């Protein structure tokens, strides 16, 4: 699967919006959650 330019723009935008956020109870950046969800969606053809 080839990712679109629109996907790349959305990823950059989300990274900028959530740059200062971390996951509750950890020091893991919040964007890691978004990337995990995106990977599951891509795996199933989303």
Protein backbone atom coordinates (compact mmCIF):
# COMPACT_ATOMS: atom_id res chain seq x y z
CA UNK A 1 0.00 0.00 0.00
CA UNK A 2 1.32 3.42 -0.93
CA UNK A 3 0.47 6.17 1.54
CA UNK A 4 -1.03 9.30 0.02
CA UNK A 5 0.20 12.85 0.27
CA UNK A 6 -2.97 13.58 2.26
CA UNK A 7 -2.00 10.93 4.84
CA UNK A 8 1.45 12.49 5.17
CA UNK A 9 -0.06 15.95 5.66
CA UNK A 10 -2.44 14.60 8.32
CA UNK A 11 0.43 12.89 10.13
CA UNK A 12 2.51 16.08 10.16
CA UNK A 13 -0.50 18.10 11.35
CA UNK A 14 -1.31 15.63 14.15
CA UNK A 15 2.33 15.59 15.22
CA UNK A 16 2.37 19.38 15.46
CA UNK A 17 -0.94 19.50 17.37
CA UNK A 18 0.08 16.86 19.91
CA UNK A 19 3.79 17.71 20.16
CA UNK A 20 3.64 18.65 23.84
CA UNK A 21 1.25 15.93 25.03
CA UNK A 22 2.22 12.70 26.77
CA UNK A 23 0.28 9.53 27.56
CA UNK A 24 -1.27 9.36 31.03
CA UNK A 25 0.99 7.80 33.63
CA UNK A 26 4.07 7.75 31.42
CA UNK A 27 6.52 9.90 29.53
CA UNK A 28 5.56 8.41 26.16
CA UNK A 29 4.54 11.04 23.59
CA UNK A 30 0.81 10.97 22.76
CA UNK A 31 1.55 10.74 19.03
CA UNK A 32 2.62 7.12 19.67
CA UNK A 33 -1.03 6.26 20.35
CA UNK A 34 -2.13 7.90 17.10
CA UNK A 35 0.55 6.04 15.16
CA UNK A 36 -0.54 2.75 16.74
CA UNK A 37 -4.16 3.30 15.75
CA UNK A 38 -3.14 4.32 12.24
CA UNK A 39 -1.04 1.17 11.85
CA UNK A 40 -3.99 -1.03 12.83
CA UNK A 41 -6.28 0.79 10.40
CA UNK A 42 -3.72 0.43 7.59
CA UNK A 43 -3.24 -3.25 8.36
CA UNK A 44 -6.96 -3.83 7.82
CA UNK A 45 -7.17 -1.72 4.66
CA UNK A 46 -8.36 1.50 6.26
